[in-house]
């Protein structure tokens, strides 16, 4: 999927942007913890873990 927007407070949004999660960036869900939190995603070739709560605030567009 591609990032359309991030609907988080300023500090959390800034942190995600610092690791490369910006509008138009492709992301892939790599792995989910047994209860779904946290989730591991791939951004620009690097693996990151984010909470399910934060992930729900990332608006994406599916790539075809």
Protein backbone atom coordinates (compact mmCIF):
# COMPACT_ATOMS: atom_id res chain seq x y z
CA UNK A 1 0.00 0.00 0.00
CA UNK A 2 1.01 3.64 -0.34
CA UNK A 3 0.63 6.18 2.44
CA UNK A 4 -2.07 8.74 1.74
CA UNK A 5 -1.96 10.57 5.09
CA UNK A 6 -1.11 10.16 8.78
CA UNK A 7 -3.78 11.24 11.26
CA UNK A 8 -1.77 11.35 14.51
CA UNK A 9 -0.77 14.01 17.02
CA UNK A 10 2.31 16.06 16.19
CA UNK A 11 4.92 14.06 18.15
CA UNK A 12 3.84 10.61 16.95
CA UNK A 13 3.45 11.84 13.38
CA UNK A 14 6.89 13.46 13.45
CA UNK A 15 8.45 10.21 14.71
CA UNK A 16 6.89 8.21 11.86
CA UNK A 17 7.98 10.83 9.34
CA UNK A 18 11.53 10.70 10.76
CA UNK A 19 11.73 6.97 9.98
CA UNK A 20 10.59 7.61 6.41
CA UNK A 21 6.82 7.22 6.58
CA UNK A 22 5.65 10.08 4.38
CA UNK A 23 2.88 10.60 1.84
CA UNK A 24 3.41 8.39 -1.19
CA UNK A 25 5.76 5.96 0.58
CA UNK A 26 5.14 2.27 -0.07
CA UNK A 27 4.68 0.16 3.05
CA UNK A 28 4.25 -3.57 3.55
CA UNK A 29 2.95 -5.37 6.63
CA UNK A 30 5.57 -8.03 7.31
CA UNK A 31 4.36 -9.64 10.52
CA UNK A 32 1.74 -9.37 13.25
CA UNK A 33 2.22 -10.29 16.88
CA UNK A 34 -0.08 -13.09 18.08
CA UNK A 35 -2.66 -10.59 19.36
CA UNK A 36 -2.06 -8.14 16.50
CA UNK A 37 -0.02 -5.63 18.50
CA UNK A 38 2.59 -4.57 17.59
CA UNK A 39 2.88 -5.05 13.86
CA UNK A 40 6.07 -5.14 11.86
CA UNK A 41 6.10 -3.07 8.68
CA UNK A 42 8.66 -2.48 5.95
CA UNK A 43 9.34 1.15 5.00
CA UNK A 44 11.94 1.93 2.34
CA UNK A 45 13.61 -1.45 2.86
CA UNK A 46 13.84 -1.24 6.67
CA UNK A 47 11.75 -3.11 9.24
CA UNK A 48 9.91 -1.19 11.96
CA UNK A 49 7.44 -2.13 14.67
CA UNK A 50 4.47 0.11 15.36
CA UNK A 51 1.48 -0.22 17.63
CA UNK A 52 -1.87 -1.24 16.23
CA UNK A 53 -3.31 2.04 17.56
CA UNK A 54 -0.81 4.09 15.52
CA UNK A 55 -1.21 1.86 12.46
CA UNK A 56 -4.96 2.50 12.44
CA UNK A 57 -4.25 6.22 11.98
CA UNK A 58 -2.18 5.70 8.81
CA UNK A 59 -4.46 6.14 5.82
CA UNK A 60 -3.27 4.10 2.83
CA UNK A 61 -4.18 3.55 -0.80
CA UNK A 62 -3.82 0.04 -2.17
CA UNK A 63 -1.30 -0.31 -4.96
CA UNK A 64 -2.35 -2.19 -8.06
